[in-house]
Amino acid sequence: MYGTVQWWLALCIISNGMKLFSKDKKGKKPPKASFAKGGKTETPEEFRNVEAAEQTEAAVPKVLPKEYGVLKGFYISEKASGLASFNQYVFKVFDGVTKNEIKKQVENSFSVKVKGVKIINLPRKRRSVGRHVGFKSGFKKAIVVLEKGHSIEGFQP
């Protein structure tokens, strides 16, 4: 007559009198039965303020990647390390950023003078594993040309 889930739900309602799904007036779940000796359970200090931590996480607004900056990081390859000797550095950047935004971000982050920026938008590529077909995500990279006498110290190919 009853399905498995319906039977289990009916059993829980009858045996617990809806205590399993009810909440206190403050919105907390009722305490569970303790199986420790003496009937008492100790809660470690770091777990006592879980609700306060959840409230602070909910209060933090979501930040879009552009607000952190337009650069994802250095793009490291054999060609990119060869370009570093010519004062050109390759970065992975977020989609939808412009050359001016990249130039400002590099100048502010690394305290250098940028001569020019070249953008390459790499498309996604089709890949198959057995009979399953998928795509390797494409990305955007930028080649930043610096003025003579300037270099980025953090880049090590």
C-alpha atoms as a PDB file:
ATOM      1  CA  MET A   1       0.000   0.000   0.000  1.00  0.00           C
ATOM      2  CA  TYR A   2       2.732   2.435   0.949  1.00  0.00           C
ATOM      3  CA  GLY A   3       5.965   2.999  -0.937  1.00  0.00           C
ATOM      4  CA  THR A   4       9.260   2.702   0.935  1.00  0.00           C
ATOM      5  CA  VAL A   5       9.634   6.443   1.546  1.00  0.00           C
ATOM      6  CA  GLN A   6       5.996   6.878   2.543  1.00  0.00           C
ATOM      7  CA  TRP A   7       6.226   3.956   4.974  1.00  0.00           C
ATOM      8  CA  TRP A   8       9.378   5.381   6.586  1.00  0.00           C
ATOM      9  CA  LEU A   9       7.839   8.862   6.875  1.00  0.00           C
ATOM     10  CA  ALA A  10       4.668   7.452   8.461  1.00  0.00           C
ATOM     11  CA  LEU A  11       6.739   5.449  10.933  1.00  0.00           C
ATOM     12  CA  CYS A  12       8.768   8.532  11.916  1.00  0.00           C
ATOM     13  CA  ILE A  13       5.647  10.633  12.416  1.00  0.00           C
ATOM     14  CA  ILE A  14       3.949   8.015  14.583  1.00  0.00           C
ATOM     15  CA  SER A  15       6.971   7.048  16.699  1.00  0.00           C
ATOM     16  CA  ASN A  16       8.418  10.525  17.307  1.00  0.00           C
ATOM     17  CA  GLY A  17       5.252  12.568  17.306  1.00  0.00           C
ATOM     18  CA  MET A  18       6.760  14.956  14.704  1.00  0.00           C
ATOM     19  CA  LYS A  19       9.738  15.719  17.015  1.00  0.00           C
ATOM     20  CA  LEU A  20      12.135  14.657  14.278  1.00  0.00           C
ATOM     21  CA  PHE A  21      11.081  17.436  11.921  1.00  0.00           C
ATOM     22  CA  SER A  22       9.981  20.119  14.398  1.00  0.00           C
ATOM     23  CA  LYS A  23      12.053  23.093  15.512  1.00  0.00           C
ATOM     24  CA  ASP A  24      12.056  25.160  18.695  1.00  0.00           C
ATOM     25  CA  LYS A  25      10.720  28.696  18.769  1.00  0.00           C
ATOM     26  CA  LYS A  26      14.273  29.981  18.260  1.00  0.00           C
ATOM     27  CA  GLY A  27      14.661  27.933  15.059  1.00  0.00           C
ATOM     28  CA  LYS A  28      16.973  25.313  16.557  1.00  0.00           C
ATOM     29  CA  LYS A  29      16.473  21.589  16.148  1.00  0.00           C
ATOM     30  CA  PRO A  30      15.692  19.649  19.334  1.00  0.00           C
ATOM     31  CA  PRO A  31      18.696  17.998  21.018  1.00  0.00           C
ATOM     32  CA  LYS A  32      19.430  14.418  20.045  1.00  0.00           C
ATOM     33  CA  ALA A  33      19.614  11.574  22.545  1.00  0.00           C
ATOM     34  CA  SER A  34      23.057  10.967  23.975  1.00  0.00           C
ATOM     35  CA  PHE A  35      24.712   7.565  23.956  1.00  0.00           C
ATOM     36  CA  ALA A  36      27.760   8.608  26.009  1.00  0.00           C
ATOM     37  CA  LYS A  37      28.274   7.468  29.610  1.00  0.00           C
ATOM     38  CA  GLY A  38      26.165   9.401  32.052  1.00  0.00           C
ATOM     39  CA  GLY A  39      23.926  10.759  29.296  1.00  0.00           C
ATOM     40  CA  LYS A  40      25.994  13.936  28.767  1.00  0.00           C
ATOM     41  CA  THR A  41      27.884  14.966  25.664  1.00  0.00           C
ATOM     42  CA  GLU A  42      30.654  17.513  25.548  1.00  0.00           C
ATOM     43  CA  THR A  43      30.742  19.927  22.633  1.00  0.00           C
ATOM     44  CA  PRO A  44      34.216  21.169  21.669  1.00  0.00           C
ATOM     45  CA  GLU A  45      34.746  24.942  21.825  1.00  0.00           C
ATOM     46  CA  GLU A  46      35.211  25.340  18.068  1.00  0.00           C
ATOM     47  CA  PHE A  47      31.766  23.814  17.393  1.00  0.00           C
ATOM     48  CA  ARG A  48      29.759  25.825  19.923  1.00  0.00           C
ATOM     49  CA  ASN A  49      29.404  28.957  17.802  1.00  0.00           C
ATOM     50  CA  VAL A  50      28.518  27.284  14.520  1.00  0.00           C
ATOM     51  CA  GLU A  51      25.393  29.395  14.080  1.00  0.00           C
ATOM     52  CA  ALA A  52      27.367  32.622  14.515  1.00  0.00           C
ATOM     53  CA  ALA A  53      29.855  31.471  11.873  1.00  0.00           C
ATOM     54  CA  GLU A  54      27.030  30.629   9.460  1.00  0.00           C
ATOM     55  CA  GLN A  55      25.550  34.101   9.936  1.00  0.00           C
ATOM     56  CA  THR A  56      28.860  35.821   9.157  1.00  0.00           C
ATOM     57  CA  GLU A  57      29.295  33.722   6.003  1.00  0.00           C
ATOM     58  CA  ALA A  58      25.827  34.674   4.842  1.00  0.00           C
ATOM     59  CA  ALA A  59      26.551  38.356   5.525  1.00  0.00           C
ATOM     60  CA  VAL A  60      29.609  38.393   3.240  1.00  0.00           C
ATOM     61  CA  PRO A  61      28.556  39.517  -0.253  1.00  0.00           C
ATOM     62  CA  LYS A  62      29.618  37.499  -3.268  1.00  0.00           C
ATOM     63  CA  VAL A  63      32.541  39.081  -5.081  1.00  0.00           C
ATOM     64  CA  LEU A  64      32.874  38.793  -8.819  1.00  0.00           C
ATOM     65  CA  PRO A  65      36.299  37.839 -10.204  1.00  0.00           C
ATOM     66  CA  LYS A  66      36.765  41.255 -11.826  1.00  0.00           C
ATOM     67  CA  GLU A  67      36.696  42.898  -8.407  1.00  0.00           C
ATOM     68  CA  TYR A  68      39.807  40.916  -7.448  1.00  0.00           C
ATOM     69  CA  GLY A  69      41.497  42.019 -10.649  1.00  0.00           C
ATOM     70  CA  VAL A  70      41.557  41.051 -14.288  1.00  0.00           C
ATOM     71  CA  LEU A  71      44.600  38.745 -14.126  1.00  0.00           C
ATOM     72  CA  LYS A  72      44.209  35.062 -13.283  1.00  0.00           C
ATOM     73  CA  GLY A  73      47.943  34.457 -13.225  1.00  0.00           C
ATOM     74  CA  PHE A  74      50.989  33.889 -15.364  1.00  0.00           C
ATOM     75  CA  TYR A  75      50.640  31.596 -18.381  1.00  0.00           C
ATOM     76  CA  ILE A  76      53.664  29.331 -18.331  1.00  0.00           C
ATOM     77  CA  SER A  77      54.777  27.563 -21.490  1.00  0.00           C
ATOM     78  CA  GLU A  78      57.949  27.186 -23.518  1.00  0.00           C
ATOM     79  CA  LYS A  79      57.004  30.083 -25.751  1.00  0.00           C
ATOM     80  CA  ALA A  80      56.045  32.289 -22.788  1.00  0.00           C
ATOM     81  CA  SER A  81      59.374  31.701 -21.068  1.00  0.00           C
ATOM     82  CA  GLY A  82      61.150  32.584 -24.329  1.00  0.00           C
ATOM     83  CA  LEU A  83      59.181  35.832 -24.593  1.00  0.00           C
ATOM     84  CA  ALA A  84      60.277  36.829 -21.068  1.00  0.00           C
ATOM     85  CA  SER A  85      63.792  37.431 -22.386  1.00  0.00           C
ATOM     86  CA  PHE A  86      62.302  39.994 -24.809  1.00  0.00           C
ATOM     87  CA  ASN A  87      60.540  41.833 -21.947  1.00  0.00           C
ATOM     88  CA  GLN A  88      57.144  40.316 -22.821  1.00  0.00           C
ATOM     89  CA  TYR A  89      55.057  38.473 -20.225  1.00  0.00           C
ATOM     90  CA  VAL A  90      52.039  36.239 -20.825  1.00  0.00           C
ATOM     91  CA  PHE A  91      49.056  36.246 -18.438  1.00  0.00           C
ATOM     92  CA  LYS A  92      45.795  34.310 -18.286  1.00  0.00           C
ATOM     93  CA  VAL A  93      42.973  36.852 -17.970  1.00  0.00           C
ATOM     94  CA  PHE A  94      39.211  36.758 -17.396  1.00  0.00           C
ATOM     95  CA  ASP A  95      36.871  36.838 -20.371  1.00  0.00           C
ATOM     96  CA  GLY A  96      35.490  40.233 -21.301  1.00  0.00           C
ATOM     97  CA  VAL A  97      38.405  42.381 -20.125  1.00  0.00           C
ATOM     98  CA  THR A  98      39.935  45.054 -22.319  1.00  0.00           C
ATOM     99  CA  LYS A  99      43.524  45.961 -23.114  1.00  0.00           C
ATOM    100  CA  ASN A 100      43.296  49.120 -21.006  1.00  0.00           C
ATOM    101  CA  GLU A 101      42.086  47.180 -17.946  1.00  0.00           C
ATOM    102  CA  ILE A 102      44.959  44.698 -18.323  1.00  0.00           C
ATOM    103  CA  LYS A 103      47.478  47.523 -18.729  1.00  0.00           C
ATOM    104  CA  LYS A 104      46.277  49.328 -15.594  1.00  0.00           C
ATOM    105  CA  GLN A 105      46.235  46.114 -13.545  1.00  0.00           C
ATOM    106  CA  VAL A 106      49.793  45.127 -14.535  1.00  0.00           C
ATOM    107  CA  GLU A 107      51.130  48.646 -13.894  1.00  0.00           C
ATOM    108  CA  ASN A 108      49.507  48.804 -10.451  1.00  0.00           C
ATOM    109  CA  SER A 109      50.343  45.249  -9.383  1.00  0.00           C
ATOM    110  CA  PHE A 110      53.978  45.061 -10.474  1.00  0.00           C
ATOM    111  CA  SER A 111      55.028  48.779 -10.502  1.00  0.00           C
ATOM    112  CA  VAL A 112      56.190  48.684 -14.130  1.00  0.00           C
ATOM    113  CA  LYS A 113      55.542  50.726 -17.263  1.00  0.00           C
ATOM    114  CA  VAL A 114      53.582  48.894 -19.980  1.00  0.00           C
ATOM    115  CA  LYS A 115      54.353  49.615 -23.624  1.00  0.00           C
ATOM    116  CA  GLY A 116      51.555  47.515 -25.169  1.00  0.00           C
ATOM    117  CA  VAL A 117      49.121  44.648 -24.704  1.00  0.00           C
ATOM    118  CA  LYS A 118      48.182  41.917 -27.182  1.00  0.00           C
ATOM    119  CA  ILE A 119      45.135  39.726 -26.520  1.00  0.00           C
ATOM    120  CA  ILE A 120      44.612  36.176 -27.770  1.00  0.00           C
ATOM    121  CA  ASN A 121      41.210  34.520 -27.320  1.00  0.00           C
ATOM    122  CA  LEU A 122      41.689  30.742 -27.483  1.00  0.00           C
ATOM    123  CA  PRO A 123      38.505  28.834 -28.398  1.00  0.00           C
ATOM    124  CA  ARG A 124      37.294  25.665 -26.703  1.00  0.00           C
ATOM    125  CA  LYS A 125      38.519  22.381 -28.178  1.00  0.00           C
ATOM    126  CA  ARG A 126      36.586  19.181 -28.729  1.00  0.00           C
ATOM    127  CA  ARG A 127      37.963  16.197 -26.833  1.00  0.00           C
ATOM    128  CA  SER A 128      36.735  12.636 -26.696  1.00  0.00           C
ATOM    129  CA  VAL A 129      37.476   9.851 -24.265  1.00  0.00           C
ATOM    130  CA  GLY A 130      36.187   6.604 -25.684  1.00  0.00           C
ATOM    131  CA  ARG A 131      32.702   7.303 -26.925  1.00  0.00           C
ATOM    132  CA  HIS A 132      32.148  10.261 -24.598  1.00  0.00           C
ATOM    133  CA  VAL A 133      32.587  13.636 -26.259  1.00  0.00           C
ATOM    134  CA  GLY A 134      33.300  16.814 -24.326  1.00  0.00           C
ATOM    135  CA  PHE A 135      35.048  20.120 -24.614  1.00  0.00           C
ATOM    136  CA  LYS A 136      38.243  21.529 -23.150  1.00  0.00           C
ATOM    137  CA  SER A 137      37.384  25.044 -22.049  1.00  0.00           C
ATOM    138  CA  GLY A 138      38.867  27.936 -23.946  1.00  0.00           C
ATOM    139  CA  PHE A 139      40.459  30.939 -22.273  1.00  0.00           C
ATOM    140  CA  LYS A 140      41.831  34.384 -22.939  1.00  0.00           C
ATOM    141  CA  LYS A 141      45.491  35.254 -22.586  1.00  0.00           C
ATOM    142  CA  ALA A 142      47.324  38.539 -22.852  1.00  0.00           C
ATOM    143  CA  ILE A 143      50.900  39.262 -23.893  1.00  0.00           C
ATOM    144  CA  VAL A 144      52.111  42.358 -22.050  1.00  0.00           C
ATOM    145  CA  VAL A 145      55.086  44.227 -23.528  1.00  0.00           C
ATOM    146  CA  LEU A 146      57.030  46.319 -20.990  1.00  0.00           C
ATOM    147  CA  GLU A 147      59.131  49.433 -21.548  1.00  0.00           C
ATOM    148  CA  LYS A 148      62.924  49.062 -21.646  1.00  0.00           C
ATOM    149  CA  GLY A 149      64.464  48.870 -18.190  1.00  0.00           C
ATOM    150  CA  HIS A 150      61.342  47.396 -16.568  1.00  0.00           C
ATOM    151  CA  SER A 151      60.860  43.749 -15.640  1.00  0.00           C
ATOM    152  CA  ILE A 152      58.583  41.670 -13.438  1.00  0.00           C
ATOM    153  CA  GLU A 153      60.516  40.119 -10.566  1.00  0.00           C
ATOM    154  CA  GLY A 154      57.898  37.487  -9.593  1.00  0.00           C
ATOM    155  CA  PHE A 155      58.004  35.685 -12.943  1.00  0.00           C
ATOM    156  CA  GLN A 156      60.357  32.719 -13.070  1.00  0.00           C
ATOM    157  CA  PRO A 157      60.003  30.386 -16.070  1.00  0.00           C
END
